[in-house]
């Protein structure tokens, strides 16, 4: 079994994407270790404010107003790019990842491009974690409790 794998895509601004973990092997959980955002158009020529969240909850978390008290929120990321005389501040990218959260069920990824509304490119890197039977039961119950709330 691969130790690490990547999921990536391009999602329309304001839309939610399902990250499917249903096809993966029993006895394993997955840990999110990286979440990156990148604009899809006008790189270096536009003002861009992009944000995204990944959650194990029942509904996606609004990327423009993430609440870190939400136990299902696994990651939040912001990408800011300024170009031209109105926005001369360059590029900034911040990401917060809860890399201790063990994933056994599908996740929801939501992205927003506040300025232009163009689609957002995203990439997530996961690593597999072997679990014992009791660990798997506990992890599955925890994620089910969060996603069923």
Protein backbone atom coordinates (compact mmCIF):
# COMPACT_ATOMS: atom_id res chain seq x y z
CA UNK A 1 0.00 0.00 0.00
CA UNK A 2 1.21 3.49 -0.83
CA UNK A 3 2.35 5.45 2.20
CA UNK A 4 1.45 8.84 0.66
CA UNK A 5 -0.95 9.92 -2.05
CA UNK A 6 -2.27 13.16 -3.54
CA UNK A 7 -5.78 14.31 -4.41
CA UNK A 8 -6.04 17.41 -6.58
CA UNK A 9 -8.50 19.26 -8.72
CA UNK A 10 -10.09 22.50 -9.80
CA UNK A 11 -13.38 23.50 -8.20
CA UNK A 12 -15.71 26.36 -9.07
CA UNK A 13 -15.74 29.21 -6.56
CA UNK A 14 -18.39 28.66 -3.89
CA UNK A 15 -18.77 24.96 -4.68
CA UNK A 16 -18.16 21.89 -2.53
CA UNK A 17 -16.17 18.83 -3.59
CA UNK A 18 -16.36 15.38 -1.96
CA UNK A 19 -12.99 13.78 -1.21
CA UNK A 20 -13.88 10.09 -1.44
CA UNK A 21 -12.23 7.67 0.98
CA UNK A 22 -14.70 4.83 0.39
CA UNK A 23 -12.36 2.97 -1.97
CA UNK A 24 -9.47 2.67 0.46
CA UNK A 25 -8.33 -0.37 2.44
CA UNK A 26 -9.86 -1.48 5.74
CA UNK A 27 -7.49 -1.30 8.72
CA UNK A 28 -6.05 2.00 7.54
CA UNK A 29 -6.82 5.61 8.27
CA UNK A 30 -5.46 8.63 6.47
CA UNK A 31 -3.89 11.79 7.76
CA UNK A 32 -4.00 15.08 5.87
CA UNK A 33 -0.44 16.44 5.83
CA UNK A 34 -0.71 19.24 3.23
CA UNK A 35 -3.43 21.47 1.75
CA UNK A 36 -2.52 23.98 -0.97
CA UNK A 37 -4.55 26.45 -3.02
CA UNK A 38 -3.58 28.09 -6.31
CA UNK A 39 -5.46 30.44 -8.65
CA UNK A 40 -6.64 29.20 -12.03
CA UNK A 41 -6.38 32.35 -14.15
CA UNK A 42 -4.56 35.66 -14.40
CA UNK A 43 -1.54 34.63 -12.33
CA UNK A 44 0.55 37.72 -11.66
CA UNK A 45 -1.92 40.10 -13.29
CA UNK A 46 -4.92 40.03 -10.95
CA UNK A 47 -5.76 40.71 -7.35
CA UNK A 48 -6.76 37.32 -5.93
CA UNK A 49 -8.22 36.29 -2.56
CA UNK A 50 -8.84 32.56 -2.41
CA UNK A 51 -9.76 30.43 0.59
CA UNK A 52 -10.66 26.81 1.20
CA UNK A 53 -11.65 24.42 3.98
CA UNK A 54 -11.72 20.67 4.45
CA UNK A 55 -14.14 19.16 6.94
CA UNK A 56 -15.30 15.77 8.16
CA UNK A 57 -18.61 17.35 9.16
CA UNK A 58 -22.04 16.93 7.61
CA UNK A 59 -21.84 20.29 5.83
CA UNK A 60 -18.90 22.18 4.38
CA UNK A 61 -17.40 24.99 6.44
CA UNK A 62 -17.53 28.47 4.87
CA UNK A 63 -13.91 29.18 3.82
CA UNK A 64 -14.36 32.93 4.31
CA UNK A 65 -15.37 32.47 7.97
CA UNK A 66 -13.85 29.24 9.35
CA UNK A 67 -14.54 28.45 13.00
CA UNK A 68 -11.67 26.56 14.62
CA UNK A 69 -14.04 25.41 17.38
CA UNK A 70 -15.72 23.14 14.80
CA UNK A 71 -14.34 19.67 15.61
CA UNK A 72 -14.92 18.51 12.03
CA UNK A 73 -12.74 21.25 10.51
CA UNK A 74 -9.51 19.56 9.44
CA UNK A 75 -7.87 22.28 7.34
CA UNK A 76 -8.21 25.91 6.33
CA UNK A 77 -6.12 27.68 3.72
CA UNK A 78 -5.89 31.20 2.26
CA UNK A 79 -4.04 32.39 -0.82
CA UNK A 80 -3.66 36.11 -1.49
CA UNK A 81 -2.03 37.65 -4.54
CA UNK A 82 -1.75 41.35 -5.33
CA UNK A 83 -0.66 42.71 -8.67
CA UNK A 84 -0.43 46.18 -10.12
CA UNK A 85 -0.43 49.56 -8.42
CA UNK A 86 -3.64 48.97 -6.44
CA UNK A 87 -2.42 45.73 -4.83
CA UNK A 88 1.39 45.78 -4.77
CA UNK A 89 1.78 43.37 -1.86
CA UNK A 90 2.83 40.20 -3.74
CA UNK A 91 1.81 36.69 -2.68
CA UNK A 92 0.88 35.27 0.71
CA UNK A 93 -0.28 31.74 1.52
CA UNK A 94 -1.31 30.47 4.98
CA UNK A 95 -2.57 27.02 5.84
CA UNK A 96 -3.63 25.41 9.11
CA UNK A 97 -3.90 21.59 9.07
CA UNK A 98 -5.00 19.32 11.92
CA UNK A 99 -2.61 16.50 11.02
CA UNK A 100 -3.64 14.47 14.07
CA UNK A 101 -7.17 13.85 12.74
CA UNK A 102 -7.47 10.27 11.41
CA UNK A 103 -9.70 10.08 8.33
CA UNK A 104 -11.81 7.00 7.60
CA UNK A 105 -14.77 8.53 5.76
CA UNK A 106 -15.41 11.05 3.00
CA UNK A 107 -14.46 14.69 3.50
CA UNK A 108 -15.93 17.92 2.15
CA UNK A 109 -13.71 20.51 0.50
CA UNK A 110 -15.12 23.98 -0.20
CA UNK A 111 -13.34 26.83 -1.99
CA UNK A 112 -14.11 30.48 -2.67
CA UNK A 113 -12.36 33.02 -4.85
CA UNK A 114 -13.63 36.22 -3.25
CA UNK A 115 -12.34 38.69 -5.83
CA UNK A 116 -12.80 37.20 -9.28
CA UNK A 117 -15.06 34.21 -8.68
CA UNK A 118 -12.85 32.09 -10.93
CA UNK A 119 -12.27 28.39 -10.16
CA UNK A 120 -9.70 27.41 -7.55
CA UNK A 121 -6.97 24.78 -7.99
CA UNK A 122 -6.31 22.72 -4.88
CA UNK A 123 -4.04 19.88 -3.82
CA UNK A 124 -4.11 17.68 -0.72
CA UNK A 125 -1.43 15.24 0.37
CA UNK A 126 -2.40 12.34 2.64
CA UNK A 127 -0.45 9.59 4.32
CA UNK A 128 -1.80 6.21 5.34
CA UNK A 129 -1.77 5.07 8.97
CA UNK A 130 -2.13 1.41 9.98
CA UNK A 131 -4.64 0.84 12.79
CA UNK A 132 -5.49 -2.04 15.09
CA UNK A 133 -9.11 -3.25 15.26
CA UNK A 134 -10.00 -1.21 18.36
CA UNK A 135 -8.30 1.91 16.95
CA UNK A 136 -10.26 1.53 13.72
CA UNK A 137 -13.57 1.15 15.59
CA UNK A 138 -12.85 4.21 17.73
CA UNK A 139 -11.74 6.31 14.75
CA UNK A 140 -14.76 5.29 12.66
CA UNK A 141 -17.12 6.10 15.53
CA UNK A 142 -15.49 9.52 16.09
CA UNK A 143 -15.75 10.51 12.43
CA UNK A 144 -19.30 9.13 12.14
CA UNK A 145 -20.31 11.18 15.22
CA UNK A 146 -18.88 14.34 13.66
CA UNK A 147 -20.40 13.75 10.22
CA UNK A 148 -23.82 12.85 11.64
CA UNK A 149 -24.07 15.90 13.95
